[in-house]
Amino acid sequence: LIHACGFDSIPYDLGVLFTVEQLPEGVPLSISGYIR
């Protein structure tokens, strides 16, 4: 059951995943998203 599969919330959900994958593993991570 997968909700929010449009502009809510795919850019944010997958954008954060994409960003996490560019960062080191096993350490504290902080991400801020800014939408225009």
PDB file of all heavy atoms in Angstrom:
ATOM      1  N   LEU A   1       0.862  -1.183   0.000  1.00  0.00           N
ATOM      2  CA  LEU A   1       0.000   0.000   0.000  1.00  0.00           C
ATOM      3  C   LEU A   1       0.896   1.230   0.000  1.00  0.00           C
ATOM      4  O   LEU A   1       1.534   1.539   1.010  1.00  0.00           O
ATOM      5  CB  LEU A   1      -0.911  -0.003   1.225  1.00  0.00           C
ATOM      6  CG  LEU A   1      -1.710  -1.288   1.484  1.00  0.00           C
ATOM      7  CD1 LEU A   1      -2.536  -1.154   2.763  1.00  0.00           C
ATOM      8  CD2 LEU A   1      -2.616  -1.622   0.293  1.00  0.00           C
ATOM      9  N   ILE A   2       0.956   1.926  -1.131  1.00  0.00           N
ATOM     10  CA  ILE A   2       1.899   3.036  -1.272  1.00  0.00           C
ATOM     11  C   ILE A   2       1.134   4.307  -1.612  1.00  0.00           C
ATOM     12  O   ILE A   2       0.586   4.458  -2.709  1.00  0.00           O
ATOM     13  CB  ILE A   2       2.953   2.735  -2.353  1.00  0.00           C
ATOM     14  CG1 ILE A   2       3.575   1.344  -2.098  1.00  0.00           C
ATOM     15  CG2 ILE A   2       4.037   3.808  -2.338  1.00  0.00           C
ATOM     16  CD1 ILE A   2       4.503   0.894  -3.180  1.00  0.00           C
ATOM     17  N   HIS A   3       1.093   5.207  -0.651  1.00  0.00           N
ATOM     18  CA  HIS A   3       0.391   6.481  -0.822  1.00  0.00           C
ATOM     19  C   HIS A   3       1.365   7.551  -1.325  1.00  0.00           C
ATOM     20  O   HIS A   3       2.574   7.361  -1.359  1.00  0.00           O
ATOM     21  CB  HIS A   3      -0.200   6.921   0.516  1.00  0.00           C
ATOM     22  CG  HIS A   3      -1.126   5.923   1.132  1.00  0.00           C
ATOM     23  ND1 HIS A   3      -2.413   5.717   0.684  1.00  0.00           N
ATOM     24  CD2 HIS A   3      -0.949   5.045   2.155  1.00  0.00           C
ATOM     25  CE1 HIS A   3      -2.984   4.771   1.414  1.00  0.00           C
ATOM     26  NE2 HIS A   3      -2.119   4.344   2.306  1.00  0.00           N
ATOM     27  N   ALA A   4       0.804   8.700  -1.707  1.00  0.00           N
ATOM     28  CA  ALA A   4       1.598   9.891  -2.039  1.00  0.00           C
ATOM     29  C   ALA A   4       2.599   9.639  -3.167  1.00  0.00           C
ATOM     30  O   ALA A   4       3.783   9.922  -3.045  1.00  0.00           O
ATOM     31  CB  ALA A   4       2.319  10.404  -0.785  1.00  0.00           C
ATOM     32  N   CYS A   5       2.098   9.132  -4.292  1.00  0.00           N
ATOM     33  CA  CYS A   5       2.964   8.797  -5.436  1.00  0.00           C
ATOM     34  C   CYS A   5       2.919   9.848  -6.532  1.00  0.00           C
ATOM     35  O   CYS A   5       3.055   9.537  -7.718  1.00  0.00           O
ATOM     36  CB  CYS A   5       2.576   7.424  -5.998  1.00  0.00           C
ATOM     37  SG  CYS A   5       2.948   6.065  -4.888  1.00  0.00           S
ATOM     38  N   GLY A   6       2.695  11.108  -6.146  1.00  0.00           N
ATOM     39  CA  GLY A   6       2.746  12.214  -7.100  1.00  0.00           C
ATOM     40  C   GLY A   6       3.705  13.280  -6.600  1.00  0.00           C
ATOM     41  O   GLY A   6       4.713  12.966  -5.965  1.00  0.00           O
ATOM     42  N   PHE A   7       3.404  14.547  -6.866  1.00  0.00           N
ATOM     43  CA  PHE A   7       4.254  15.632  -6.348  1.00  0.00           C
ATOM     44  C   PHE A   7       4.302  15.576  -4.837  1.00  0.00           C
ATOM     45  O   PHE A   7       5.310  15.933  -4.228  1.00  0.00           O
ATOM     46  CB  PHE A   7       3.738  16.976  -6.864  1.00  0.00           C
ATOM     47  CG  PHE A   7       4.622  18.125  -6.483  1.00  0.00           C
ATOM     48  CD1 PHE A   7       5.927  18.191  -6.945  1.00  0.00           C
ATOM     49  CD2 PHE A   7       4.151  19.140  -5.672  1.00  0.00           C
ATOM     50  CE1 PHE A   7       6.756  19.252  -6.580  1.00  0.00           C
ATOM     51  CE2 PHE A   7       4.968  20.200  -5.321  1.00  0.00           C
ATOM     52  CZ  PHE A   7       6.270  20.258  -5.771  1.00  0.00           C
ATOM     53  N   ASP A   8       3.214  15.199  -4.203  1.00  0.00           N
ATOM     54  CA  ASP A   8       3.254  14.653  -2.841  1.00  0.00           C
ATOM     55  C   ASP A   8       3.387  13.152  -3.031  1.00  0.00           C
ATOM     56  O   ASP A   8       2.465  12.510  -3.544  1.00  0.00           O
ATOM     57  CB  ASP A   8       1.968  14.946  -2.066  1.00  0.00           C
ATOM     58  CG  ASP A   8       1.794  16.396  -1.652  1.00  0.00           C
ATOM     59  OD1 ASP A   8       2.801  17.039  -1.326  1.00  0.00           O
ATOM     60  OD2 ASP A   8       0.647  16.854  -1.665  1.00  0.00           O
ATOM     61  N   SER A   9       4.524  12.494  -2.667  1.00  0.00           N
ATOM     62  CA  SER A   9       5.688  13.067  -2.034  1.00  0.00           C
ATOM     63  C   SER A   9       6.953  12.544  -2.704  1.00  0.00           C
ATOM     64  O   SER A   9       8.010  12.471  -2.099  1.00  0.00           O
ATOM     65  CB  SER A   9       5.726  12.659  -0.557  1.00  0.00           C
ATOM     66  OG  SER A   9       4.615  13.125   0.168  1.00  0.00           O
ATOM     67  N   ILE A  10       6.840  12.151  -3.993  1.00  0.00           N
ATOM     68  CA  ILE A  10       7.955  11.488  -4.655  1.00  0.00           C
ATOM     69  C   ILE A  10       9.222  12.347  -4.748  1.00  0.00           C
ATOM     70  O   ILE A  10      10.320  11.854  -4.448  1.00  0.00           O
ATOM     71  CB  ILE A  10       7.531  10.941  -6.034  1.00  0.00           C
ATOM     72  CG1 ILE A  10       6.810   9.593  -5.840  1.00  0.00           C
ATOM     73  CG2 ILE A  10       8.712  10.785  -6.978  1.00  0.00           C
ATOM     74  CD1 ILE A  10       6.349   8.917  -7.108  1.00  0.00           C
ATOM     75  N   PRO A  11       9.159  13.633  -5.139  1.00  0.00           N
ATOM     76  CA  PRO A  11      10.421  14.384  -5.227  1.00  0.00           C
ATOM     77  C   PRO A  11      11.181  14.413  -3.902  1.00  0.00           C
ATOM     78  O   PRO A  11      12.417  14.329  -3.882  1.00  0.00           O
ATOM     79  CB  PRO A  11       9.961  15.790  -5.636  1.00  0.00           C
ATOM     80  CG  PRO A  11       8.659  15.565  -6.336  1.00  0.00           C
ATOM     81  CD  PRO A  11       8.016  14.435  -5.595  1.00  0.00           C
ATOM     82  N   TYR A  12      10.446  14.510  -2.792  1.00  0.00           N
ATOM     83  CA  TYR A  12      11.065  14.593  -1.473  1.00  0.00           C
ATOM     84  C   TYR A  12      11.556  13.218  -1.015  1.00  0.00           C
ATOM     85  O   TYR A  12      12.711  13.066  -0.593  1.00  0.00           O
ATOM     86  CB  TYR A  12      10.061  15.169  -0.468  1.00  0.00           C
ATOM     87  CG  TYR A  12       9.311  16.342  -1.038  1.00  0.00           C
ATOM     88  CD1 TYR A  12       8.054  16.187  -1.622  1.00  0.00           C
ATOM     89  CD2 TYR A  12       9.889  17.608  -1.064  1.00  0.00           C
ATOM     90  CE1 TYR A  12       7.389  17.258  -2.191  1.00  0.00           C
ATOM     91  CE2 TYR A  12       9.229  18.693  -1.625  1.00  0.00           C
ATOM     92  CZ  TYR A  12       7.971  18.508  -2.190  1.00  0.00           C
ATOM     93  OH  TYR A  12       7.333  19.566  -2.758  1.00  0.00           O
ATOM     94  N   ASP A  13      10.704  12.227  -1.102  1.00  0.00           N
ATOM     95  CA  ASP A  13      11.052  10.890  -0.630  1.00  0.00           C
ATOM     96  C   ASP A  13      12.227  10.313  -1.413  1.00  0.00           C
ATOM     97  O   ASP A  13      13.219   9.852  -0.836  1.00  0.00           O
ATOM     98  CB  ASP A  13       9.819   9.982  -0.753  1.00  0.00           C
ATOM     99  CG  ASP A  13       9.979   8.683   0.017  1.00  0.00           C
ATOM    100  OD1 ASP A  13      10.702   8.678   1.032  1.00  0.00           O
ATOM    101  OD2 ASP A  13       9.363   7.676  -0.377  1.00  0.00           O
ATOM    102  N   LEU A  14      12.151  10.347  -2.742  1.00  0.00           N
ATOM    103  CA  LEU A  14      13.229   9.800  -3.554  1.00  0.00           C
ATOM    104  C   LEU A  14      14.414  10.762  -3.640  1.00  0.00           C
ATOM    105  O   LEU A  14      15.563  10.323  -3.781  1.00  0.00           O
ATOM    106  CB  LEU A  14      12.727   9.453  -4.949  1.00  0.00           C
ATOM    107  CG  LEU A  14      11.680   8.337  -5.011  1.00  0.00           C
ATOM    108  CD1 LEU A  14      11.334   8.005  -6.453  1.00  0.00           C
ATOM    109  CD2 LEU A  14      12.140   7.081  -4.286  1.00  0.00           C
ATOM    110  N   GLY A  15      14.154  12.067  -3.540  1.00  0.00           N
ATOM    111  CA  GLY A  15      15.252  13.032  -3.520  1.00  0.00           C
ATOM    112  C   GLY A  15      16.122  12.862  -2.291  1.00  0.00           C
ATOM    113  O   GLY A  15      17.359  12.937  -2.371  1.00  0.00           O
ATOM    114  N   VAL A  16      15.505  12.634  -1.151  1.00  0.00           N
ATOM    115  CA  VAL A  16      16.281  12.396   0.072  1.00  0.00           C
ATOM    116  C   VAL A  16      17.050  11.082  -0.036  1.00  0.00           C
ATOM    117  O   VAL A  16      18.226  11.001   0.336  1.00  0.00           O
ATOM    118  CB  VAL A  16      15.365  12.412   1.310  1.00  0.00           C
ATOM    119  CG1 VAL A  16      16.111  11.911   2.546  1.00  0.00           C
ATOM    120  CG2 VAL A  16      14.841  13.823   1.565  1.00  0.00           C
ATOM    121  N   LEU A  17      16.411  10.029  -0.562  1.00  0.00           N
ATOM    122  CA  LEU A  17      17.113   8.761  -0.765  1.00  0.00           C
ATOM    123  C   LEU A  17      18.324   8.967  -1.672  1.00  0.00           C
ATOM    124  O   LEU A  17      19.433   8.479  -1.378  1.00  0.00           O
ATOM    125  CB  LEU A  17      16.175   7.727  -1.379  1.00  0.00           C
ATOM    126  CG  LEU A  17      16.815   6.388  -1.780  1.00  0.00           C
ATOM    127  CD1 LEU A  17      17.344   5.650  -0.551  1.00  0.00           C
ATOM    128  CD2 LEU A  17      15.826   5.516  -2.551  1.00  0.00           C
ATOM    129  N   PHE A  18      18.146   9.684  -2.771  1.00  0.00           N
ATOM    130  CA  PHE A  18      19.228   9.972  -3.712  1.00  0.00           C
ATOM    131  C   PHE A  18      20.368  10.710  -3.007  1.00  0.00           C
ATOM    132  O   PHE A  18      21.551  10.424  -3.232  1.00  0.00           O
ATOM    133  CB  PHE A  18      18.670  10.812  -4.868  1.00  0.00           C
ATOM    134  CG  PHE A  18      19.671  11.191  -5.915  1.00  0.00           C
ATOM    135  CD1 PHE A  18      20.057  10.288  -6.898  1.00  0.00           C
ATOM    136  CD2 PHE A  18      20.228  12.468  -5.930  1.00  0.00           C
ATOM    137  CE1 PHE A  18      20.979  10.641  -7.881  1.00  0.00           C
ATOM    138  CE2 PHE A  18      21.151  12.832  -6.905  1.00  0.00           C
ATOM    139  CZ  PHE A  18      21.533  11.921  -7.881  1.00  0.00           C
ATOM    140  N   THR A  19      20.021  11.651  -2.131  1.00  0.00           N
ATOM    141  CA  THR A  19      21.021  12.430  -1.395  1.00  0.00           C
ATOM    142  C   THR A  19      21.748  11.559  -0.376  1.00  0.00           C
ATOM    143  O   THR A  19      22.974  11.626  -0.244  1.00  0.00           O
ATOM    144  CB  THR A  19      20.349  13.632  -0.710  1.00  0.00           C
ATOM    145  OG1 THR A  19      19.593  14.372  -1.671  1.00  0.00           O
ATOM    146  CG2 THR A  19      21.386  14.555  -0.085  1.00  0.00           C
ATOM    147  N   VAL A  20      20.993  10.756   0.356  1.00  0.00           N
ATOM    148  CA  VAL A  20      21.586   9.842   1.343  1.00  0.00           C
ATOM    149  C   VAL A  20      22.624   8.951   0.679  1.00  0.00           C
ATOM    150  O   VAL A  20      23.707   8.688   1.238  1.00  0.00           O
ATOM    151  CB  VAL A  20      20.485   8.993   2.018  1.00  0.00           C
ATOM    152  CG1 VAL A  20      21.075   7.787   2.751  1.00  0.00           C
ATOM    153  CG2 VAL A  20      19.673   9.846   2.997  1.00  0.00           C
ATOM    154  N   GLU A  21      22.330   8.500  -0.517  1.00  0.00           N
ATOM    155  CA  GLU A  21      23.241   7.583  -1.221  1.00  0.00           C
ATOM    156  C   GLU A  21      24.545   8.262  -1.658  1.00  0.00           C
ATOM    157  O   GLU A  21      25.499   7.574  -2.024  1.00  0.00           O
ATOM    158  CB  GLU A  21      22.528   6.961  -2.415  1.00  0.00           C
ATOM    159  CG  GLU A  21      21.440   5.979  -1.997  1.00  0.00           C
ATOM    160  CD  GLU A  21      20.613   5.431  -3.148  1.00  0.00           C
ATOM    161  OE1 GLU A  21      20.638   6.045  -4.242  1.00  0.00           O
ATOM    162  OE2 GLU A  21      19.949   4.406  -2.945  1.00  0.00           O
ATOM    163  N   GLN A  22      24.595   9.598  -1.614  1.00  0.00           N
ATOM    164  CA  GLN A  22      25.831  10.324  -1.916  1.00  0.00           C
ATOM    165  C   GLN A  22      26.667  10.573  -0.663  1.00  0.00           C
ATOM    166  O   GLN A  22      27.772  11.121  -0.757  1.00  0.00           O
ATOM    167  CB  GLN A  22      25.528  11.688  -2.573  1.00  0.00           C
ATOM    168  CG  GLN A  22      24.412  11.724  -3.598  1.00  0.00           C
ATOM    169  CD  GLN A  22      24.604  10.771  -4.748  1.00  0.00           C
ATOM    170  OE1 GLN A  22      25.687  10.676  -5.311  1.00  0.00           O
ATOM    171  NE2 GLN A  22      23.547  10.045  -5.095  1.00  0.00           N
ATOM    172  N   LEU A  23      26.149  10.217   0.505  1.00  0.00           N
ATOM    173  CA  LEU A  23      26.804  10.500   1.789  1.00  0.00           C
ATOM    174  C   LEU A  23      27.380   9.226   2.395  1.00  0.00           C
ATOM    175  O   LEU A  23      26.987   8.118   2.025  1.00  0.00           O
ATOM    176  CB  LEU A  23      25.798  11.133   2.751  1.00  0.00           C
ATOM    177  CG  LEU A  23      25.352  12.567   2.400  1.00  0.00           C
ATOM    178  CD1 LEU A  23      24.103  12.946   3.182  1.00  0.00           C
ATOM    179  CD2 LEU A  23      26.487  13.561   2.679  1.00  0.00           C
ATOM    180  N   PRO A  24      28.322   9.350   3.335  1.00  0.00           N
ATOM    181  CA  PRO A  24      28.923   8.167   3.958  1.00  0.00           C
ATOM    182  C   PRO A  24      27.890   7.297   4.670  1.00  0.00           C
ATOM    183  O   PRO A  24      26.864   7.786   5.145  1.00  0.00           O
ATOM    184  CB  PRO A  24      29.916   8.769   4.970  1.00  0.00           C
ATOM    185  CG  PRO A  24      30.196  10.149   4.476  1.00  0.00           C
ATOM    186  CD  PRO A  24      28.923  10.603   3.826  1.00  0.00           C
ATOM    187  N   GLU A  25      28.203   6.011   4.777  1.00  0.00           N
ATOM    188  CA  GLU A  25      27.326   5.064   5.470  1.00  0.00           C
ATOM    189  C   GLU A  25      27.675   4.988   6.955  1.00  0.00           C
ATOM    190  O   GLU A  25      28.819   5.220   7.348  1.00  0.00           O
ATOM    191  CB  GLU A  25      27.449   3.671   4.849  1.00  0.00           C
ATOM    192  CG  GLU A  25      26.932   3.586   3.429  1.00  0.00           C
ATOM    193  CD  GLU A  25      26.862   2.144   2.935  1.00  0.00           C
ATOM    194  OE1 GLU A  25      26.344   1.284   3.681  1.00  0.00           O
ATOM    195  OE2 GLU A  25      27.327   1.875   1.808  1.00  0.00           O
ATOM    196  N   GLY A  26      26.659   4.646   7.758  1.00  0.00           N
ATOM    197  CA  GLY A  26      26.885   4.341   9.164  1.00  0.00           C
ATOM    198  C   GLY A  26      27.202   5.521  10.044  1.00  0.00           C
ATOM    199  O   GLY A  26      27.743   5.361  11.143  1.00  0.00           O
ATOM    200  N   VAL A  27      26.897   6.744   9.583  1.00  0.00           N
ATOM    201  CA  VAL A  27      27.160   7.955  10.376  1.00  0.00           C
ATOM    202  C   VAL A  27      25.875   8.775  10.481  1.00  0.00           C
ATOM    203  O   VAL A  27      24.953   8.606   9.683  1.00  0.00           O
ATOM    204  CB  VAL A  27      28.273   8.812   9.726  1.00  0.00           C
ATOM    205  CG1 VAL A  27      29.580   8.034   9.652  1.00  0.00           C
ATOM    206  CG2 VAL A  27      27.858   9.296   8.332  1.00  0.00           C
ATOM    207  N   PRO A  28      25.780   9.677  11.461  1.00  0.00           N
ATOM    208  CA  PRO A  28      24.613  10.556  11.544  1.00  0.00           C
ATOM    209  C   PRO A  28      24.495  11.415  10.286  1.00  0.00           C
ATOM    210  O   PRO A  28      25.501  11.937   9.786  1.00  0.00           O
ATOM    211  CB  PRO A  28      24.899  11.422  12.781  1.00  0.00           C
ATOM    212  CG  PRO A  28      25.809  10.582  13.621  1.00  0.00           C
ATOM    213  CD  PRO A  28      26.672   9.834  12.635  1.00  0.00           C
ATOM    214  N   LEU A  29      23.285  11.539   9.776  1.00  0.00           N
ATOM    215  CA  LEU A  29      23.033  12.314   8.563  1.00  0.00           C
ATOM    216  C   LEU A  29      21.960  13.365   8.826  1.00  0.00           C
ATOM    217  O   LEU A  29      20.974  13.103   9.528  1.00  0.00           O
ATOM    218  CB  LEU A  29      22.577  11.403   7.419  1.00  0.00           C
ATOM    219  CG  LEU A  29      23.523  10.276   6.987  1.00  0.00           C
ATOM    220  CD1 LEU A  29      22.881   9.464   5.869  1.00  0.00           C
ATOM    221  CD2 LEU A  29      24.871  10.828   6.546  1.00  0.00           C
ATOM    222  N   SER A  30      22.138  14.525   8.229  1.00  0.00           N
ATOM    223  CA  SER A  30      21.157  15.612   8.326  1.00  0.00           C
ATOM    224  C   SER A  30      20.893  16.151   6.928  1.00  0.00           C
ATOM    225  O   SER A  30      21.824  16.475   6.199  1.00  0.00           O
ATOM    226  CB  SER A  30      21.693  16.727   9.224  1.00  0.00           C
ATOM    227  OG  SER A  30      20.837  17.856   9.189  1.00  0.00           O
ATOM    228  N   ILE A  31      19.622  16.237   6.552  1.00  0.00           N
ATOM    229  CA  ILE A  31      19.258  16.741   5.224  1.00  0.00           C
ATOM    230  C   ILE A  31      18.169  17.808   5.361  1.00  0.00           C
ATOM    231  O   ILE A  31      17.224  17.640   6.131  1.00  0.00           O
ATOM    232  CB  ILE A  31      18.774  15.593   4.311  1.00  0.00           C
ATOM    233  CG1 ILE A  31      19.925  14.611   4.063  1.00  0.00           C
ATOM    234  CG2 ILE A  31      18.242  16.130   2.989  1.00  0.00           C
ATOM    235  CD1 ILE A  31      19.555  13.431   3.196  1.00  0.00           C
ATOM    236  N   SER A  32      18.334  18.886   4.607  1.00  0.00           N
ATOM    237  CA  SER A  32      17.319  19.941   4.541  1.00  0.00           C
ATOM    238  C   SER A  32      16.854  20.073   3.096  1.00  0.00           C
ATOM    239  O   SER A  32      17.675  20.121   2.177  1.00  0.00           O
ATOM    240  CB  SER A  32      17.892  21.281   5.019  1.00  0.00           C
ATOM    241  OG  SER A  32      18.272  21.202   6.381  1.00  0.00           O
ATOM    242  N   GLY A  33      15.530  20.110   2.899  1.00  0.00           N
ATOM    243  CA  GLY A  33      14.953  20.245   1.574  1.00  0.00           C
ATOM    244  C   GLY A  33      14.284  21.588   1.403  1.00  0.00           C
ATOM    245  O   GLY A  33      13.547  22.034   2.291  1.00  0.00           O
ATOM    246  N   TYR A  34      14.529  22.245   0.245  1.00  0.00           N
ATOM    247  CA  TYR A  34      13.971  23.571  -0.041  1.00  0.00           C
ATOM    248  C   TYR A  34      13.249  23.506  -1.391  1.00  0.00           C
ATOM    249  O   TYR A  34      13.887  23.345  -2.429  1.00  0.00           O
ATOM    250  CB  TYR A  34      15.076  24.621  -0.097  1.00  0.00           C
ATOM    251  CG  TYR A  34      15.927  24.698   1.152  1.00  0.00           C
ATOM    252  CD1 TYR A  34      17.037  23.876   1.301  1.00  0.00           C
ATOM    253  CD2 TYR A  34      15.621  25.592   2.183  1.00  0.00           C
ATOM    254  CE1 TYR A  34      17.829  23.938   2.449  1.00  0.00           C
ATOM    255  CE2 TYR A  34      16.399  25.662   3.323  1.00  0.00           C
ATOM    256  CZ  TYR A  34      17.505  24.835   3.454  1.00  0.00           C
ATOM    257  OH  TYR A  34      18.279  24.894   4.595  1.00  0.00           O
ATOM    258  N   ILE A  35      11.928  23.669  -1.375  1.00  0.00           N
ATOM    259  CA  ILE A  35      11.144  23.540  -2.606  1.00  0.00           C
ATOM    260  C   ILE A  35      10.745  24.911  -3.140  1.00  0.00           C
ATOM    261  O   ILE A  35      10.318  25.803  -2.387  1.00  0.00           O
ATOM    262  CB  ILE A  35       9.884  22.663  -2.386  1.00  0.00           C
ATOM    263  CG1 ILE A  35       9.126  22.443  -3.695  1.00  0.00           C
ATOM    264  CG2 ILE A  35       8.974  23.242  -1.298  1.00  0.00           C
ATOM    265  CD1 ILE A  35       9.850  21.613  -4.710  1.00  0.00           C
ATOM    266  N   ARG A  36      10.913  25.078  -4.448  1.00  0.00           N
ATOM    267  CA  ARG A  36      10.385  26.231  -5.180  1.00  0.00           C
ATOM    268  C   ARG A  36       9.571  25.678  -6.341  1.00  0.00           C
ATOM    269  O   ARG A  36       9.934  24.648  -6.926  1.00  0.00           O
ATOM    270  CB  ARG A  36      11.500  27.123  -5.714  1.00  0.00           C
ATOM    271  CG  ARG A  36      12.363  27.777  -4.648  1.00  0.00           C
ATOM    272  CD  ARG A  36      13.431  28.680  -5.253  1.00  0.00           C
ATOM    273  NE  ARG A  36      14.292  27.953  -6.168  1.00  0.00           N
ATOM    274  CZ  ARG A  36      14.438  28.248  -7.455  1.00  0.00           C
ATOM    275  NH1 ARG A  36      13.768  29.258  -8.013  1.00  0.00           N
ATOM    276  NH2 ARG A  36      15.252  27.543  -8.222  1.00  0.00           N
TER     277      ARG A  36
END
